[in-house]
Protein backbone atom coordinates (compact mmCIF):
# COMPACT_ATOMS: atom_id res chain seq x y z
CA MET A 1 -0.11 -0.06 0.11
CA ASN A 2 2.72 2.31 -1.22
CA SER A 3 -0.07 3.76 -3.42
CA PHE A 4 -3.04 6.39 -2.45
CA GLY A 5 -6.20 8.24 -4.30
CA ARG A 6 -8.37 6.86 -7.47
CA ASN A 7 -8.06 9.25 -10.07
CA PHE A 8 -5.16 11.48 -9.03
CA ARG A 9 -2.79 8.12 -8.05
CA ILE A 10 0.22 9.00 -5.67
CA THR A 11 3.03 6.26 -5.47
CA SER A 12 5.60 6.90 -2.99
CA PHE A 13 9.23 5.31 -2.93
CA GLY A 14 12.51 5.60 -1.04
CA GLU A 15 14.01 5.02 2.41
CA SER A 16 15.20 7.30 5.10
CA HIS A 17 18.97 6.31 4.60
CA GLY A 18 18.79 4.99 0.68
CA THR A 19 19.61 7.27 -2.37
CA GLY A 20 16.71 9.08 -2.39
CA ILE A 21 12.91 9.64 -1.68
CA GLY A 22 10.34 10.26 -4.26
CA VAL A 23 6.66 10.22 -5.80
CA VAL A 24 4.94 9.41 -9.24
CA ILE A 25 1.69 10.83 -9.56
CA ASP A 26 -0.35 9.36 -12.51
CA GLY A 27 -3.38 10.91 -13.36
CA CYS A 28 -2.51 14.82 -13.18
CA PRO A 29 -4.90 16.47 -15.61
CA PRO A 30 -2.57 18.25 -18.42
CA GLY A 31 -2.28 21.36 -19.45
CA LEU A 32 -1.16 22.18 -15.50
CA GLU A 33 1.79 25.07 -15.46
CA LEU A 34 4.40 23.21 -12.97
CA ASP A 35 7.93 23.86 -12.37
CA GLU A 36 10.25 22.87 -9.33
CA GLN A 37 9.50 26.26 -8.10
CA ASP A 38 5.75 25.44 -7.30
CA ILE A 39 6.78 22.43 -5.24
CA GLN A 40 10.03 23.66 -2.90
CA PRO A 41 8.62 25.87 -0.95
CA PHE A 42 6.27 23.20 0.61
CA LEU A 43 9.29 20.64 0.87
CA ASP A 44 11.27 23.85 2.72
CA ARG A 45 8.29 23.69 5.30
CA ARG A 46 9.04 20.37 5.66
CA ARG A 47 12.96 20.39 5.82
CA PRO A 48 15.11 19.34 8.92
CA GLY A 49 17.98 21.29 10.25
CA THR A 50 15.85 24.52 10.03
CA SER A 51 15.63 25.45 14.14
CA PRO A 52 16.64 24.06 17.56
CA LEU A 53 13.17 22.54 17.43
CA THR A 54 13.67 20.39 15.20
CA SER A 55 16.23 17.36 13.91
CA PRO A 56 19.83 18.75 13.04
CA ARG A 57 19.66 16.76 9.84
CA GLN A 58 21.14 18.58 7.20
CA GLU A 59 19.11 18.33 4.06
CA GLN A 60 18.51 20.75 1.31
CA ASP A 61 15.75 18.63 0.00
CA ARG A 62 15.84 19.66 -3.57
CA VAL A 63 13.18 18.50 -5.69
CA GLU A 64 14.19 17.33 -9.68
CA ILE A 65 11.26 16.71 -11.81
CA LEU A 66 12.30 13.99 -14.04
CA SER A 67 9.02 13.12 -16.20
CA GLY A 68 5.77 14.22 -17.41
CA ILE A 69 6.20 18.21 -18.12
CA PHE A 70 6.73 19.44 -21.49
CA GLU A 71 7.46 23.11 -22.47
CA GLY A 72 6.52 23.93 -18.29
CA ARG A 73 3.02 22.14 -18.52
CA THR A 74 1.65 18.65 -17.53
CA THR A 75 1.27 16.28 -20.40
CA GLY A 76 -0.86 13.64 -18.74
CA ALA A 77 1.49 11.33 -18.25
CA PRO A 78 3.06 9.98 -15.19
CA VAL A 79 4.73 13.14 -12.85
CA ALA A 80 7.82 11.73 -11.27
CA LEU A 81 9.47 13.75 -8.58
CA LEU A 82 12.84 12.68 -6.83
CA VAL A 83 14.55 14.30 -3.54
CA ARG A 84 18.12 12.73 -3.46
CA ASN A 85 19.19 12.32 0.31
CA GLN A 86 22.61 13.77 1.24
CA ASP A 87 23.05 13.63 4.86
CA GLN A 88 22.91 9.97 5.62
CA LEU A 89 24.36 8.99 8.72
CA PRO A 90 23.41 5.34 8.51
CA LYS A 91 26.35 4.11 11.25
CA ASP A 92 24.45 6.07 13.80
CA TYR A 93 21.83 3.54 13.38
CA GLU A 94 24.00 0.22 13.95
CA GLU A 95 22.99 -0.25 17.42
CA LEU A 96 19.30 -0.69 16.29
CA ARG A 97 20.25 -3.36 13.89
CA GLU A 98 19.42 -5.77 16.49
CA LYS A 99 17.23 -3.83 18.94
CA PHE A 100 13.44 -2.65 18.68
CA ARG A 101 12.68 0.87 19.23
CA PRO A 102 9.77 1.36 21.74
CA GLY A 103 6.89 3.26 19.75
CA HIS A 104 8.45 2.39 16.72
CA ALA A 105 7.40 0.34 13.50
CA ASP A 106 11.07 -2.12 14.23
CA PHE A 107 9.22 -5.07 15.49
CA THR A 108 5.84 -5.25 13.31
CA TYR A 109 8.11 -4.47 9.99
CA LEU A 110 10.13 -7.31 10.89
CA GLU A 111 6.69 -9.50 11.72
CA LYS A 112 5.51 -8.61 8.36
CA TYR A 113 8.46 -8.98 6.07
CA GLY A 114 10.98 -11.02 7.74
CA VAL A 115 13.27 -8.15 7.14
CA ARG A 116 13.55 -4.31 8.04
CA ASP A 117 15.93 -1.41 7.18
CA HIS A 118 17.35 -0.44 10.55
CA ARG A 119 18.67 3.13 9.28
CA GLY A 120 16.51 5.52 10.55
CA GLY A 121 13.52 3.17 9.96
CA GLY A 122 13.67 2.82 6.31
CA ARG A 123 10.11 3.40 5.19
CA SER A 124 8.35 3.92 8.14
CA SER A 125 10.55 7.05 8.55
CA GLY A 126 9.25 10.36 8.60
CA ARG A 127 11.59 10.95 5.61
CA GLU A 128 9.02 9.14 3.48
CA THR A 129 6.62 12.04 4.01
CA ILE A 130 8.89 14.01 1.17
CA GLY A 131 7.17 12.44 -1.45
CA ARG A 132 3.66 13.24 0.29
CA VAL A 133 4.76 16.92 0.32
CA ALA A 134 5.80 17.12 -3.29
CA ALA A 135 2.38 15.44 -4.64
CA GLY A 136 0.52 17.67 -2.30
CA ALA A 137 2.21 20.68 -3.79
CA VAL A 138 1.16 19.86 -7.36
CA ALA A 139 -2.50 18.84 -5.80
CA VAL A 140 -2.71 22.65 -3.99
CA LYS A 141 -1.62 24.33 -7.38
CA TYR A 142 -4.69 22.39 -9.21
CA LEU A 143 -6.70 23.33 -6.37
CA SER A 144 -5.65 27.08 -6.47
CA ALA A 145 -7.25 27.21 -10.06
CA TYR A 146 -10.64 26.91 -8.68
CA GLY A 147 -10.14 28.96 -5.38
CA ILE A 148 -9.63 26.50 -3.22
CA SER A 149 -6.95 26.92 -0.67
CA VAL A 150 -5.30 24.44 2.30
CA THR A 151 -3.66 26.15 5.45
CA GLY A 152 -2.62 24.04 8.92
CA LYS A 153 -1.61 25.33 12.22
CA ILE A 154 -0.42 24.21 15.07
CA LEU A 155 -3.14 24.42 18.26
CA ALA A 156 -1.30 22.67 21.04
CA VAL A 157 1.88 21.17 22.07
CA HIS A 158 1.87 19.00 24.79
CA GLY A 159 -1.19 20.72 26.23
CA LYS A 160 0.56 24.40 25.65
CA THR A 161 -1.19 26.63 23.15
CA ASP A 162 1.01 29.94 23.29
CA THR A 163 3.71 29.87 20.78
CA ASP A 164 6.51 31.03 23.37
CA GLN A 165 5.07 28.32 26.08
CA ILE A 166 4.93 25.15 22.74
CA GLN A 167 8.52 26.24 22.14
CA ARG A 168 9.79 26.11 25.63
CA GLU A 169 7.62 22.58 25.89
CA ILE A 170 9.58 21.31 23.03
CA LEU A 171 13.11 22.54 24.31
CA LEU A 172 12.56 21.23 27.74
CA ALA A 173 11.64 17.97 26.36
CA LYS A 174 15.29 18.00 24.03
CA GLY A 175 16.90 18.95 27.03
CA ALA A 176 15.56 16.17 28.98
CA ASP A 177 16.45 13.66 26.21
CA ASP A 178 12.48 13.15 25.76
CA SER A 179 9.90 14.13 23.26
CA VAL A 180 6.22 15.54 22.86
CA GLY A 181 3.43 15.65 20.86
CA GLY A 182 0.45 17.63 19.86
CA ILE A 183 -2.61 18.86 17.74
CA VAL A 184 -2.52 20.48 14.46
CA GLU A 185 -5.61 21.84 12.75
CA ILE A 186 -6.00 21.96 8.71
CA THR A 187 -8.56 23.98 7.00
CA ALA A 188 -9.67 23.85 3.37
CA ARG A 189 -12.08 26.84 2.27
CA GLY A 190 -13.36 27.52 -0.96
CA CYS A 191 -14.37 23.89 -1.58
CA PRO A 192 -17.74 23.44 -3.76
CA ALA A 193 -20.48 21.80 -2.02
CA GLY A 194 -21.19 18.31 -3.60
CA LEU A 195 -17.81 16.63 -3.30
CA GLY A 196 -17.23 13.17 -1.86
CA ASP A 197 -19.19 9.75 -2.32
CA PRO A 198 -21.83 7.92 -0.06
CA VAL A 199 -21.53 5.40 1.26
CA PHE A 200 -17.88 4.10 1.66
CA GLY A 201 -16.54 6.74 -0.56
CA LYS A 202 -17.56 9.33 1.84
CA MET A 203 -15.01 12.41 1.69
CA ASP A 204 -14.51 12.48 5.81
CA ALA A 205 -13.66 9.15 5.58
CA LEU A 206 -11.31 9.61 2.81
CA ILE A 207 -9.71 12.27 5.07
CA ALA A 208 -9.85 10.21 8.05
CA GLY A 209 -7.86 7.28 6.37
CA ALA A 210 -5.19 10.17 4.82
CA MET A 211 -4.73 11.59 8.10
CA MET A 212 -4.23 8.29 9.84
CA GLY A 213 -1.75 7.29 6.83
CA ILE A 214 0.33 9.97 8.21
CA GLY A 215 2.96 8.13 10.60
CA ALA A 216 2.71 9.86 13.78
CA VAL A 217 -1.05 10.65 13.85
CA LYS A 218 -2.85 8.93 15.98
CA GLY A 219 -6.41 10.41 16.02
CA VAL A 220 -8.34 12.28 13.61
CA GLU A 221 -11.21 14.68 13.95
CA ILE A 222 -13.27 16.62 11.89
CA GLY A 223 -15.46 19.55 12.72
CA ASP A 224 -16.62 19.07 16.27
CA GLY A 225 -15.38 15.61 16.10
CA PHE A 226 -15.15 13.84 19.73
CA ALA A 227 -17.25 17.05 20.94
CA VAL A 228 -20.65 16.15 19.41
CA ALA A 229 -20.83 13.07 21.97
CA GLY A 230 -21.92 15.68 24.38
CA MET A 231 -24.20 17.72 22.79
CA PHE A 232 -27.75 18.27 22.27
CA GLY A 233 -28.89 17.59 18.65
CA SER A 234 -30.50 21.23 18.57
CA ASP A 235 -26.88 22.12 19.51
CA ASN A 236 -24.58 20.18 16.78
CA ASN A 237 -27.29 20.46 13.33
CA ASP A 238 -26.11 23.47 11.47
CA GLN A 239 -29.16 25.44 10.94
CA MET A 240 -29.70 26.96 7.77
CA THR A 241 -31.22 30.30 6.58
CA LYS A 242 -31.47 31.96 2.75
CA ASP A 243 -28.13 32.96 3.09
CA GLY A 244 -26.57 29.36 4.40
CA PHE A 245 -25.75 27.65 7.12
CA VAL A 246 -25.32 29.41 10.76
CA SER A 247 -22.53 27.41 11.82
CA ASN A 248 -20.08 24.71 10.95
CA HIS A 249 -19.95 22.18 13.77
CA ALA A 250 -19.97 19.43 10.73
CA GLY A 251 -16.54 20.44 9.62
CA GLY A 252 -17.56 21.14 6.23
CA ILE A 253 -19.13 17.56 5.66
CA LEU A 254 -22.85 16.04 5.44
CA GLY A 255 -23.67 12.86 4.49
CA GLY A 256 -20.01 12.32 3.51
CA ILE A 257 -20.37 15.22 0.71
CA SER A 258 -19.11 18.53 0.88
CA SER A 259 -21.12 21.24 2.17
CA GLY A 260 -19.26 24.27 0.90
CA GLN A 261 -18.29 25.55 3.96
CA ASP A 262 -14.68 25.26 5.30
CA ILE A 263 -13.46 21.94 5.66
CA ILE A 264 -12.03 21.64 9.26
CA VAL A 265 -9.77 18.70 10.28
CA ARG A 266 -7.68 18.00 13.58
CA ILE A 267 -5.21 15.38 14.20
CA ALA A 268 -3.38 14.37 17.25
CA VAL A 269 0.30 13.90 16.71
CA LYS A 270 2.22 11.42 19.32
CA PRO A 271 5.38 11.92 20.82
CA THR A 272 8.56 11.33 18.56
CA PRO A 273 9.34 7.71 19.34
CA SER A 274 13.22 7.95 18.64
CA ILE A 275 14.31 9.24 22.00
CA ALA A 276 17.84 9.26 23.67
CA LYS A 277 16.27 8.74 27.09
CA ALA A 278 16.91 5.07 28.34
CA GLN A 279 14.01 2.58 27.62
CA GLN A 280 13.69 -1.26 28.26
CA THR A 281 13.19 -3.36 25.08
CA ARG A 282 13.75 -6.33 23.33
CA ASP A 283 16.19 -7.63 20.87
CA ILE A 284 15.50 -9.96 17.88
CA TYR A 285 16.67 -12.89 20.12
CA GLY A 286 14.08 -12.26 22.55
CA ASN A 287 16.31 -10.68 25.27
CA ILE A 288 15.54 -7.96 27.30
CA VAL A 289 17.82 -5.02 26.90
CA GLU A 290 18.34 -0.78 27.66
CA ILE A 291 17.96 1.17 24.68
CA SER A 292 19.22 4.68 24.10
CA VAL A 293 18.44 5.95 20.29
CA LYS A 294 21.27 7.82 19.25
CA GLY A 295 20.93 9.81 15.88
CA ARG A 296 18.87 13.09 14.84
CA HIS A 297 15.47 13.42 15.54
CA ASP A 298 12.91 16.17 16.29
CA PRO A 299 12.08 16.45 19.66
CA CYS A 300 8.61 17.13 18.63
CA ILE A 301 6.78 16.41 15.17
CA VAL A 302 4.07 18.57 15.60
CA PRO A 303 5.69 21.78 13.36
CA ARG A 304 6.98 19.64 10.79
CA ILE A 305 3.96 17.50 10.21
CA VAL A 306 1.67 20.55 9.00
CA PRO A 307 2.89 20.81 5.62
CA VAL A 308 2.49 16.92 5.68
CA ALA A 309 -1.32 17.46 6.78
CA GLU A 310 -1.93 19.90 4.43
CA ALA A 311 -0.77 17.76 1.14
CA MET A 312 -3.32 14.78 2.47
CA LEU A 313 -6.07 16.93 2.98
CA ALA A 314 -5.35 18.22 -0.81
CA LEU A 315 -4.56 15.08 -2.05
CA VAL A 316 -8.29 13.77 -1.20
CA LEU A 317 -10.02 17.19 -2.52
CA VAL A 318 -8.47 16.71 -5.83
CA ASP A 319 -9.23 13.04 -6.21
CA CYS A 320 -12.49 13.95 -5.27
CA MET A 321 -12.96 16.84 -7.48
CA LEU A 322 -11.76 14.30 -10.52
CA GLU A 323 -14.15 11.60 -9.50
CA GLN A 324 -17.21 14.52 -9.56
CA THR A 325 -16.18 15.80 -13.27
CA LYS A 326 -17.44 11.54 -14.04
CA TYR A 327 -20.56 12.97 -13.22
CA HIS A 328 -20.88 15.99 -15.44
CA THR A 329 -19.26 14.90 -18.45
């Protein structure tokens, strides 16, 4: 399952410490003006090594367009995007060859495949999201022609909501060889009504799947989310007037179909599992051992996951828009 989407289909490839990370987009409509500068700003926001709050790994993450573009426009052929890894330090992970990191996918990958890439987690590394962000940038470019925008923001980190407190909380965790998680909100504005397909192709179901497909995400809310469990129907219903909806508790989706209101999504992001703090684990031989994960890791994934979540929402919206054209052709 390295592919996502029905009409605007992406397939990501590459490992954290391999030659590079990339994505192939199949189904991108022809005629879209596109070059590297449409994509690079999104990758720059995801890039490590930009502040004390992120991983110190130094990667420029420069994107290369390998195919699908002729004279500055998409041709309808697959668009292949590549980012080459430049600052790999696989030796930092040699201790992990025989040890499972708590909270990581080491154990489950080995159970499933019988082999695993211990260098930074391989495909389970957050670096895999480069392909998603690159493809999401193309999706954003397509959506912008229809007046649709996708933006994300940090709501909280480790329970703190003030920007200065958030930064302090991350640095405190870093100083303690630990990590923290948080909450991110993503909003799509300008989305037309009528997108999404009942019963199993509901837009909110597609969004939830897209967000949960991000490695660090452990929860998804749309609209008021879990708060609706404590509300009356009269409070939760979005009443209507001649001018439209009075409120947006549903988060822009009713019956799995977009209502024309803002689509509002929140995700719960877990603390980075790779931490230097000593923990108990097991090795591949079944022995109980102690582990302290060395290497270059984010003390908090939340700041760098914002463009990833934006990309996944944009990919869902493009896919639904292209699906909708089937009803009107």
